[in-house]
PDB file of all heavy atoms in Angstrom:
ATOM      1  N   LEU A   1     -14.393   0.690  -9.370  1.00  0.00           N
ATOM      2  CA  LEU A   1     -13.050   0.208  -9.067  1.00  0.00           C
ATOM      3  C   LEU A   1     -12.833   0.187  -7.562  1.00  0.00           C
ATOM      4  O   LEU A   1     -13.174   1.148  -6.868  1.00  0.00           O
ATOM      5  CB  LEU A   1     -12.006   1.120  -9.713  1.00  0.00           C
ATOM      6  CG  LEU A   1     -12.034   1.202 -11.240  1.00  0.00           C
ATOM      7  CD1 LEU A   1     -11.129   2.327 -11.732  1.00  0.00           C
ATOM      8  CD2 LEU A   1     -11.625  -0.132 -11.852  1.00  0.00           C
ATOM      9  N   ILE A   2     -12.256  -0.900  -7.075  1.00  0.00           N
ATOM     10  CA  ILE A   2     -11.899  -1.021  -5.666  1.00  0.00           C
ATOM     11  C   ILE A   2     -10.479  -0.478  -5.506  1.00  0.00           C
ATOM     12  O   ILE A   2      -9.544  -0.980  -6.134  1.00  0.00           O
ATOM     13  CB  ILE A   2     -11.918  -2.491  -5.192  1.00  0.00           C
ATOM     14  CG1 ILE A   2     -13.222  -3.189  -5.553  1.00  0.00           C
ATOM     15  CG2 ILE A   2     -11.602  -2.576  -3.694  1.00  0.00           C
ATOM     16  CD1 ILE A   2     -14.445  -2.612  -4.923  1.00  0.00           C
ATOM     17  N   VAL A   3     -10.337   0.545  -4.679  1.00  0.00           N
ATOM     18  CA  VAL A   3      -9.043   1.173  -4.424  1.00  0.00           C
ATOM     19  C   VAL A   3      -8.704   0.947  -2.957  1.00  0.00           C
ATOM     20  O   VAL A   3      -9.508   1.255  -2.088  1.00  0.00           O
ATOM     21  CB  VAL A   3      -9.083   2.686  -4.716  1.00  0.00           C
ATOM     22  CG1 VAL A   3      -7.732   3.322  -4.451  1.00  0.00           C
ATOM     23  CG2 VAL A   3      -9.561   2.946  -6.132  1.00  0.00           C
ATOM     24  N   VAL A   4      -7.518   0.424  -2.702  1.00  0.00           N
ATOM     25  CA  VAL A   4      -7.093   0.193  -1.324  1.00  0.00           C
ATOM     26  C   VAL A   4      -5.831   0.996  -1.044  1.00  0.00           C
ATOM     27  O   VAL A   4      -4.824   0.843  -1.727  1.00  0.00           O
ATOM     28  CB  VAL A   4      -6.831  -1.310  -1.052  1.00  0.00           C
ATOM     29  CG1 VAL A   4      -6.338  -1.508   0.382  1.00  0.00           C
ATOM     30  CG2 VAL A   4      -8.085  -2.130  -1.308  1.00  0.00           C
ATOM     31  N   ASP A   5      -5.922   1.865  -0.030  1.00  0.00           N
ATOM     32  CA  ASP A   5      -4.735   2.537   0.482  1.00  0.00           C
ATOM     33  C   ASP A   5      -4.087   1.549   1.437  1.00  0.00           C
ATOM     34  O   ASP A   5      -4.598   1.278   2.523  1.00  0.00           O
ATOM     35  CB  ASP A   5      -5.124   3.832   1.196  1.00  0.00           C
ATOM     36  CG  ASP A   5      -3.912   4.583   1.730  1.00  0.00           C
ATOM     37  OD1 ASP A   5      -2.858   3.936   1.962  1.00  0.00           O
ATOM     38  OD2 ASP A   5      -4.020   5.797   1.940  1.00  0.00           O
ATOM     39  N   ASN A   6      -2.993   0.983   1.000  1.00  0.00           N
ATOM     40  CA  ASN A   6      -2.317  -0.086   1.734  1.00  0.00           C
ATOM     41  C   ASN A   6      -1.094   0.430   2.494  1.00  0.00           C
ATOM     42  O   ASN A   6      -0.207  -0.331   2.851  1.00  0.00           O
ATOM     43  CB  ASN A   6      -1.902  -1.185   0.739  1.00  0.00           C
ATOM     44  CG  ASN A   6      -1.566  -2.481   1.407  1.00  0.00           C
ATOM     45  OD1 ASN A   6      -2.283  -2.947   2.280  1.00  0.00           O
ATOM     46  ND2 ASN A   6      -0.464  -3.088   0.992  1.00  0.00           N
ATOM     47  N   THR A   7      -1.065   1.722   2.765  1.00  0.00           N
ATOM     48  CA  THR A   7       0.092   2.333   3.403  1.00  0.00           C
ATOM     49  C   THR A   7       0.439   1.678   4.734  1.00  0.00           C
ATOM     50  O   THR A   7       1.599   1.401   5.011  1.00  0.00           O
ATOM     51  CB  THR A   7      -0.154   3.840   3.609  1.00  0.00           C
ATOM     52  OG1 THR A   7      -0.281   4.449   2.331  1.00  0.00           O
ATOM     53  CG2 THR A   7       0.980   4.502   4.375  1.00  0.00           C
ATOM     54  N   MET A   8      -0.570   1.410   5.559  1.00  0.00           N
ATOM     55  CA  MET A   8      -0.305   0.901   6.902  1.00  0.00           C
ATOM     56  C   MET A   8       0.277  -0.510   6.895  1.00  0.00           C
ATOM     57  O   MET A   8       0.959  -0.902   7.834  1.00  0.00           O
ATOM     58  CB  MET A   8      -1.587   0.923   7.739  1.00  0.00           C
ATOM     59  CG  MET A   8      -2.150   2.320   7.958  1.00  0.00           C
ATOM     60  SD  MET A   8      -1.095   3.370   8.952  1.00  0.00           S
ATOM     61  CE  MET A   8      -1.419   2.709  10.565  1.00  0.00           C
ATOM     62  N   MET A   9       0.012  -1.285   5.854  1.00  0.00           N
ATOM     63  CA  MET A   9       0.508  -2.662   5.802  1.00  0.00           C
ATOM     64  C   MET A   9       1.778  -2.797   4.971  1.00  0.00           C
ATOM     65  O   MET A   9       2.588  -3.675   5.239  1.00  0.00           O
ATOM     66  CB  MET A   9      -0.554  -3.596   5.234  1.00  0.00           C
ATOM     67  CG  MET A   9      -1.701  -3.845   6.188  1.00  0.00           C
ATOM     68  SD  MET A   9      -1.201  -4.649   7.705  1.00  0.00           S
ATOM     69  CE  MET A   9      -1.141  -6.336   7.183  1.00  0.00           C
ATOM     70  N   SER A  10       1.915  -2.000   3.940  1.00  0.00           N
ATOM     71  CA  SER A  10       3.004  -2.091   2.975  1.00  0.00           C
ATOM     72  C   SER A  10       2.814  -3.333   2.101  1.00  0.00           C
ATOM     73  O   SER A  10       2.114  -4.271   2.488  1.00  0.00           O
ATOM     74  CB  SER A  10       4.388  -2.106   3.641  1.00  0.00           C
ATOM     75  OG  SER A  10       4.767  -3.416   4.006  1.00  0.00           O
ATOM     76  N   PRO A  11       3.432  -3.353   0.929  1.00  0.00           N
ATOM     77  CA  PRO A  11       3.277  -4.514   0.055  1.00  0.00           C
ATOM     78  C   PRO A  11       3.960  -5.766   0.614  1.00  0.00           C
ATOM     79  O   PRO A  11       3.695  -6.869   0.157  1.00  0.00           O
ATOM     80  CB  PRO A  11       3.926  -4.074  -1.260  1.00  0.00           C
ATOM     81  CG  PRO A  11       4.753  -2.898  -0.940  1.00  0.00           C
ATOM     82  CD  PRO A  11       4.197  -2.285   0.310  1.00  0.00           C
ATOM     83  N   TYR A  12       4.772  -5.597   1.617  1.00  0.00           N
ATOM     84  CA  TYR A  12       5.427  -6.750   2.229  1.00  0.00           C
ATOM     85  C   TYR A  12       4.433  -7.587   3.024  1.00  0.00           C
ATOM     86  O   TYR A  12       4.510  -8.811   3.043  1.00  0.00           O
ATOM     87  CB  TYR A  12       6.569  -6.277   3.130  1.00  0.00           C
ATOM     88  CG  TYR A  12       7.362  -7.406   3.751  1.00  0.00           C
ATOM     89  CD1 TYR A  12       8.257  -8.142   2.981  1.00  0.00           C
ATOM     90  CD2 TYR A  12       7.207  -7.736   5.091  1.00  0.00           C
ATOM     91  CE1 TYR A  12       8.977  -9.190   3.534  1.00  0.00           C
ATOM     92  CE2 TYR A  12       7.923  -8.778   5.652  1.00  0.00           C
ATOM     93  CZ  TYR A  12       8.806  -9.502   4.871  1.00  0.00           C
ATOM     94  OH  TYR A  12       9.504 -10.536   5.421  1.00  0.00           O
ATOM     95  N   LEU A  13       3.474  -6.940   3.679  1.00  0.00           N
ATOM     96  CA  LEU A  13       2.547  -7.635   4.573  1.00  0.00           C
ATOM     97  C   LEU A  13       1.159  -7.885   3.979  1.00  0.00           C
ATOM     98  O   LEU A  13       0.417  -8.717   4.503  1.00  0.00           O
ATOM     99  CB  LEU A  13       2.401  -6.838   5.875  1.00  0.00           C
ATOM    100  CG  LEU A  13       3.690  -6.693   6.681  1.00  0.00           C
ATOM    101  CD1 LEU A  13       3.484  -5.742   7.850  1.00  0.00           C
ATOM    102  CD2 LEU A  13       4.172  -8.051   7.164  1.00  0.00           C
ATOM    103  N   GLN A  14       0.769  -7.141   2.929  1.00  0.00           N
ATOM    104  CA  GLN A  14      -0.565  -7.326   2.343  1.00  0.00           C
ATOM    105  C   GLN A  14      -0.521  -6.906   0.881  1.00  0.00           C
ATOM    106  O   GLN A  14       0.066  -5.880   0.552  1.00  0.00           O
ATOM    107  CB  GLN A  14      -1.596  -6.475   3.104  1.00  0.00           C
ATOM    108  CG  GLN A  14      -2.998  -6.541   2.518  1.00  0.00           C
ATOM    109  CD  GLN A  14      -4.002  -5.838   3.391  1.00  0.00           C
ATOM    110  OE1 GLN A  14      -4.665  -6.468   4.181  1.00  0.00           O
ATOM    111  NE2 GLN A  14      -4.100  -4.514   3.272  1.00  0.00           N
ATOM    112  N   ARG A  15      -1.173  -7.697   0.044  1.00  0.00           N
ATOM    113  CA  ARG A  15      -1.225  -7.416  -1.389  1.00  0.00           C
ATOM    114  C   ARG A  15      -2.690  -7.372  -1.831  1.00  0.00           C
ATOM    115  O   ARG A  15      -3.234  -8.377  -2.293  1.00  0.00           O
ATOM    116  CB  ARG A  15      -0.443  -8.473  -2.154  1.00  0.00           C
ATOM    117  CG  ARG A  15       1.037  -8.442  -1.859  1.00  0.00           C
ATOM    118  CD  ARG A  15       1.786  -9.556  -2.569  1.00  0.00           C
ATOM    119  NE  ARG A  15       3.180  -9.564  -2.169  1.00  0.00           N
ATOM    120  CZ  ARG A  15       3.651 -10.198  -1.097  1.00  0.00           C
ATOM    121  NH1 ARG A  15       2.845 -10.874  -0.320  1.00  0.00           N
ATOM    122  NH2 ARG A  15       4.935 -10.146  -0.815  1.00  0.00           N
ATOM    123  N   PRO A  16      -3.326  -6.204  -1.732  1.00  0.00           N
ATOM    124  CA  PRO A  16      -4.757  -6.088  -2.017  1.00  0.00           C
ATOM    125  C   PRO A  16      -5.166  -6.512  -3.428  1.00  0.00           C
ATOM    126  O   PRO A  16      -6.292  -6.954  -3.623  1.00  0.00           O
ATOM    127  CB  PRO A  16      -5.048  -4.606  -1.778  1.00  0.00           C
ATOM    128  CG  PRO A  16      -4.017  -4.179  -0.803  1.00  0.00           C
ATOM    129  CD  PRO A  16      -2.794  -4.956  -1.176  1.00  0.00           C
ATOM    130  N   LEU A  17      -4.283  -6.373  -4.408  1.00  0.00           N
ATOM    131  CA  LEU A  17      -4.647  -6.795  -5.767  1.00  0.00           C
ATOM    132  C   LEU A  17      -4.944  -8.286  -5.800  1.00  0.00           C
ATOM    133  O   LEU A  17      -5.775  -8.737  -6.591  1.00  0.00           O
ATOM    134  CB  LEU A  17      -3.540  -6.446  -6.759  1.00  0.00           C
ATOM    135  CG  LEU A  17      -3.229  -4.961  -6.944  1.00  0.00           C
ATOM    136  CD1 LEU A  17      -2.081  -4.775  -7.937  1.00  0.00           C
ATOM    137  CD2 LEU A  17      -4.448  -4.184  -7.391  1.00  0.00           C
ATOM    138  N   GLU A  18      -4.318  -9.051  -4.934  1.00  0.00           N
ATOM    139  CA  GLU A  18      -4.574 -10.492  -4.861  1.00  0.00           C
ATOM    140  C   GLU A  18      -5.896 -10.801  -4.169  1.00  0.00           C
ATOM    141  O   GLU A  18      -6.382 -11.922  -4.240  1.00  0.00           O
ATOM    142  CB  GLU A  18      -3.416 -11.190  -4.135  1.00  0.00           C
ATOM    143  CG  GLU A  18      -2.108 -11.110  -4.896  1.00  0.00           C
ATOM    144  CD  GLU A  18      -0.931 -11.689  -4.129  1.00  0.00           C
ATOM    145  OE1 GLU A  18      -1.117 -12.255  -3.029  1.00  0.00           O
ATOM    146  OE2 GLU A  18       0.204 -11.553  -4.639  1.00  0.00           O
ATOM    147  N   PHE A  19      -6.486  -9.814  -3.493  1.00  0.00           N
ATOM    148  CA  PHE A  19      -7.766  -9.988  -2.788  1.00  0.00           C
ATOM    149  C   PHE A  19      -8.950  -9.427  -3.562  1.00  0.00           C
ATOM    150  O   PHE A  19     -10.050  -9.350  -3.028  1.00  0.00           O
ATOM    151  CB  PHE A  19      -7.720  -9.319  -1.413  1.00  0.00           C
ATOM    152  CG  PHE A  19      -6.681  -9.889  -0.485  1.00  0.00           C
ATOM    153  CD1 PHE A  19      -5.953  -9.051   0.339  1.00  0.00           C
ATOM    154  CD2 PHE A  19      -6.429 -11.243  -0.432  1.00  0.00           C
ATOM    155  CE1 PHE A  19      -4.998  -9.552   1.202  1.00  0.00           C
ATOM    156  CE2 PHE A  19      -5.480 -11.765   0.428  1.00  0.00           C
ATOM    157  CZ  PHE A  19      -4.761 -10.907   1.250  1.00  0.00           C
ATOM    158  N   GLY A  20      -8.719  -8.965  -4.796  1.00  0.00           N
ATOM    159  CA  GLY A  20      -9.821  -8.457  -5.605  1.00  0.00           C
ATOM    160  C   GLY A  20      -9.815  -6.966  -5.828  1.00  0.00           C
ATOM    161  O   GLY A  20     -10.663  -6.444  -6.549  1.00  0.00           O
ATOM    162  N   ALA A  21      -8.892  -6.239  -5.208  1.00  0.00           N
ATOM    163  CA  ALA A  21      -8.799  -4.797  -5.456  1.00  0.00           C
ATOM    164  C   ALA A  21      -8.328  -4.560  -6.889  1.00  0.00           C
ATOM    165  O   ALA A  21      -7.624  -5.384  -7.471  1.00  0.00           O
ATOM    166  CB  ALA A  21      -7.835  -4.141  -4.471  1.00  0.00           C
ATOM    167  N   ASP A  22      -8.737  -3.419  -7.442  1.00  0.00           N
ATOM    168  CA  ASP A  22      -8.329  -3.037  -8.795  1.00  0.00           C
ATOM    169  C   ASP A  22      -7.111  -2.124  -8.785  1.00  0.00           C
ATOM    170  O   ASP A  22      -6.320  -2.117  -9.717  1.00  0.00           O
ATOM    171  CB  ASP A  22      -9.487  -2.324  -9.507  1.00  0.00           C
ATOM    172  CG  ASP A  22     -10.706  -3.214  -9.597  1.00  0.00           C
ATOM    173  OD1 ASP A  22     -10.638  -4.237 -10.302  1.00  0.00           O
ATOM    174  OD2 ASP A  22     -11.722  -2.902  -8.938  1.00  0.00           O
ATOM    175  N   ILE A  23      -7.006  -1.324  -7.731  1.00  0.00           N
ATOM    176  CA  ILE A  23      -5.917  -0.358  -7.597  1.00  0.00           C
ATOM    177  C   ILE A  23      -5.446  -0.386  -6.150  1.00  0.00           C
ATOM    178  O   ILE A  23      -6.250  -0.476  -5.222  1.00  0.00           O
ATOM    179  CB  ILE A  23      -6.397   1.076  -7.949  1.00  0.00           C
ATOM    180  CG1 ILE A  23      -6.913   1.135  -9.387  1.00  0.00           C
ATOM    181  CG2 ILE A  23      -5.292   2.105  -7.722  1.00  0.00           C
ATOM    182  CD1 ILE A  23      -7.581   2.453  -9.754  1.00  0.00           C
ATOM    183  N   VAL A  24      -4.144  -0.307  -5.974  1.00  0.00           N
ATOM    184  CA  VAL A  24      -3.585  -0.186  -4.627  1.00  0.00           C
ATOM    185  C   VAL A  24      -2.662   1.029  -4.620  1.00  0.00           C
ATOM    186  O   VAL A  24      -1.961   1.291  -5.594  1.00  0.00           O
ATOM    187  CB  VAL A  24      -2.855  -1.467  -4.183  1.00  0.00           C
ATOM    188  CG1 VAL A  24      -1.669  -1.769  -5.070  1.00  0.00           C
ATOM    189  CG2 VAL A  24      -2.420  -1.388  -2.732  1.00  0.00           C
ATOM    190  N   ILE A  25      -2.743   1.787  -3.537  1.00  0.00           N
ATOM    191  CA  ILE A  25      -1.852   2.938  -3.388  1.00  0.00           C
ATOM    192  C   ILE A  25      -1.087   2.802  -2.079  1.00  0.00           C
ATOM    193  O   ILE A  25      -1.552   2.172  -1.124  1.00  0.00           O
ATOM    194  CB  ILE A  25      -2.611   4.285  -3.456  1.00  0.00           C
ATOM    195  CG1 ILE A  25      -3.678   4.388  -2.371  1.00  0.00           C
ATOM    196  CG2 ILE A  25      -3.231   4.480  -4.830  1.00  0.00           C
ATOM    197  CD1 ILE A  25      -4.377   5.732  -2.313  1.00  0.00           C
ATOM    198  N   HIS A  26       0.101   3.393  -2.072  1.00  0.00           N
ATOM    199  CA  HIS A  26       0.954   3.401  -0.886  1.00  0.00           C
ATOM    200  C   HIS A  26       1.557   4.787  -0.747  1.00  0.00           C
ATOM    201  O   HIS A  26       1.916   5.404  -1.743  1.00  0.00           O
ATOM    202  CB  HIS A  26       2.129   2.421  -1.030  1.00  0.00           C
ATOM    203  CG  HIS A  26       1.745   1.005  -1.241  1.00  0.00           C
ATOM    204  ND1 HIS A  26       1.464   0.149  -0.209  1.00  0.00           N
ATOM    205  CD2 HIS A  26       1.602   0.291  -2.380  1.00  0.00           C
ATOM    206  CE1 HIS A  26       1.177  -1.034  -0.704  1.00  0.00           C
ATOM    207  NE2 HIS A  26       1.244  -0.977  -2.020  1.00  0.00           N
ATOM    208  N   SER A  27       1.693   5.224   0.483  1.00  0.00           N
ATOM    209  CA  SER A  27       2.489   6.415   0.736  1.00  0.00           C
ATOM    210  C   SER A  27       3.932   5.978   0.866  1.00  0.00           C
ATOM    211  O   SER A  27       4.299   5.312   1.838  1.00  0.00           O
ATOM    212  CB  SER A  27       2.035   7.116   2.015  1.00  0.00           C
ATOM    213  OG  SER A  27       2.980   8.108   2.355  1.00  0.00           O
ATOM    214  N   GLY A  28       4.740   6.320  -0.115  1.00  0.00           N
ATOM    215  CA  GLY A  28       6.158   6.015  -0.036  1.00  0.00           C
ATOM    216  C   GLY A  28       6.848   6.855   1.021  1.00  0.00           C
ATOM    217  O   GLY A  28       7.916   6.506   1.510  1.00  0.00           O
ATOM    218  N   THR A  29       6.225   7.957   1.405  1.00  0.00           N
ATOM    219  CA  THR A  29       6.796   8.852   2.393  1.00  0.00           C
ATOM    220  C   THR A  29       6.818   8.194   3.773  1.00  0.00           C
ATOM    221  O   THR A  29       7.752   8.380   4.533  1.00  0.00           O
ATOM    222  CB  THR A  29       5.978  10.157   2.458  1.00  0.00           C
ATOM    223  OG1 THR A  29       5.863  10.675   1.143  1.00  0.00           O
ATOM    224  CG2 THR A  29       6.612  11.179   3.371  1.00  0.00           C
ATOM    225  N   LYS A  30       5.792   7.408   4.091  1.00  0.00           N
ATOM    226  CA  LYS A  30       5.686   6.831   5.433  1.00  0.00           C
ATOM    227  C   LYS A  30       6.536   5.574   5.558  1.00  0.00           C
ATOM    228  O   LYS A  30       7.729   5.634   5.803  1.00  0.00           O
ATOM    229  CB  LYS A  30       4.224   6.517   5.756  1.00  0.00           C
ATOM    230  CG  LYS A  30       3.387   7.743   5.990  1.00  0.00           C
ATOM    231  CD  LYS A  30       1.973   7.347   6.328  1.00  0.00           C
ATOM    232  CE  LYS A  30       1.113   8.577   6.512  1.00  0.00           C
ATOM    233  NZ  LYS A  30      -0.281   8.225   6.738  1.00  0.00           N
ATOM    234  N   TYR A  31       5.916   4.418   5.359  1.00  0.00           N
ATOM    235  CA  TYR A  31       6.566   3.165   5.702  1.00  0.00           C
ATOM    236  C   TYR A  31       7.604   2.693   4.694  1.00  0.00           C
ATOM    237  O   TYR A  31       8.557   2.020   5.063  1.00  0.00           O
ATOM    238  CB  TYR A  31       5.519   2.065   5.919  1.00  0.00           C
ATOM    239  CG  TYR A  31       4.672   2.361   7.117  1.00  0.00           C
ATOM    240  CD1 TYR A  31       3.363   2.785   6.975  1.00  0.00           C
ATOM    241  CD2 TYR A  31       5.201   2.267   8.392  1.00  0.00           C
ATOM    242  CE1 TYR A  31       2.589   3.083   8.081  1.00  0.00           C
ATOM    243  CE2 TYR A  31       4.440   2.573   9.507  1.00  0.00           C
ATOM    244  CZ  TYR A  31       3.136   2.969   9.344  1.00  0.00           C
ATOM    245  OH  TYR A  31       2.394   3.273  10.429  1.00  0.00           O
ATOM    246  N   LEU A  32       7.449   3.017   3.447  1.00  0.00           N
ATOM    247  CA  LEU A  32       8.415   2.524   2.469  1.00  0.00           C
ATOM    248  C   LEU A  32       9.742   3.256   2.589  1.00  0.00           C
ATOM    249  O   LEU A  32      10.794   2.694   2.348  1.00  0.00           O
ATOM    250  CB  LEU A  32       7.856   2.617   1.056  1.00  0.00           C
ATOM    251  CG  LEU A  32       6.612   1.741   0.812  1.00  0.00           C
ATOM    252  CD1 LEU A  32       6.127   1.908  -0.619  1.00  0.00           C
ATOM    253  CD2 LEU A  32       6.891   0.283   1.104  1.00  0.00           C
ATOM    254  N   SER A  33       9.709   4.520   2.991  1.00  0.00           N
ATOM    255  CA  SER A  33      10.942   5.263   3.217  1.00  0.00           C
ATOM    256  C   SER A  33      11.319   5.186   4.688  1.00  0.00           C
ATOM    257  O   SER A  33      12.411   4.789   5.030  1.00  0.00           O
ATOM    258  CB  SER A  33      10.785   6.722   2.796  1.00  0.00           C
ATOM    259  OG  SER A  33      11.882   7.483   3.236  1.00  0.00           O
ATOM    260  N   GLY A  34      10.380   5.572   5.531  1.00  0.00           N
ATOM    261  CA  GLY A  34      10.592   5.469   6.965  1.00  0.00           C
ATOM    262  C   GLY A  34      11.283   6.646   7.609  1.00  0.00           C
ATOM    263  O   GLY A  34      11.211   6.837   8.809  1.00  0.00           O
ATOM    264  N   HIS A  35      11.969   7.447   6.825  1.00  0.00           N
ATOM    265  CA  HIS A  35      12.717   8.552   7.403  1.00  0.00           C
ATOM    266  C   HIS A  35      12.211   9.909   6.922  1.00  0.00           C
ATOM    267  O   HIS A  35      12.810  10.918   7.232  1.00  0.00           O
ATOM    268  CB  HIS A  35      14.207   8.420   7.051  1.00  0.00           C
ATOM    269  CG  HIS A  35      14.809   7.164   7.558  1.00  0.00           C
ATOM    270  ND1 HIS A  35      15.101   6.966   8.890  1.00  0.00           N
ATOM    271  CD2 HIS A  35      15.143   6.019   6.921  1.00  0.00           C
ATOM    272  CE1 HIS A  35      15.611   5.759   9.051  1.00  0.00           C
ATOM    273  NE2 HIS A  35      15.653   5.161   7.877  1.00  0.00           N
ATOM    274  N   HIS A  36      11.145   9.905   6.139  1.00  0.00           N
ATOM    275  CA  HIS A  36      10.584  11.130   5.581  1.00  0.00           C
ATOM    276  C   HIS A  36      11.616  11.898   4.764  1.00  0.00           C
ATOM    277  O   HIS A  36      11.605  13.122   4.715  1.00  0.00           O
ATOM    278  CB  HIS A  36       9.976  12.019   6.663  1.00  0.00           C
ATOM    279  CG  HIS A  36       8.877  11.344   7.397  1.00  0.00           C
ATOM    280  ND1 HIS A  36       7.673  11.073   6.803  1.00  0.00           N
ATOM    281  CD2 HIS A  36       8.806  10.842   8.651  1.00  0.00           C
ATOM    282  CE1 HIS A  36       6.894  10.456   7.685  1.00  0.00           C
ATOM    283  NE2 HIS A  36       7.555  10.294   8.792  1.00  0.00           N
ATOM    284  N   ASP A  37      12.526  11.149   4.135  1.00  0.00           N
ATOM    285  CA  ASP A  37      13.523  11.801   3.297  1.00  0.00           C
ATOM    286  C   ASP A  37      13.135  11.744   1.823  1.00  0.00           C
ATOM    287  O   ASP A  37      13.929  12.080   0.955  1.00  0.00           O
ATOM    288  CB  ASP A  37      14.914  11.192   3.514  1.00  0.00           C
ATOM    289  CG  ASP A  37      14.939   9.688   3.331  1.00  0.00           C
ATOM    290  OD1 ASP A  37      13.878   9.095   3.086  1.00  0.00           O
ATOM    291  OD2 ASP A  37      16.033   9.111   3.446  1.00  0.00           O
TER     292      ASP A  37
END
């Protein structure tokens, strides 16, 4: 399985599943929240 940690790009800027990845993960703590709340 191809797993891509897409935290640095966010799903807004890159969608690895569309490039052949099987699993994508994101840290919601970093860019999706932005305030570490």
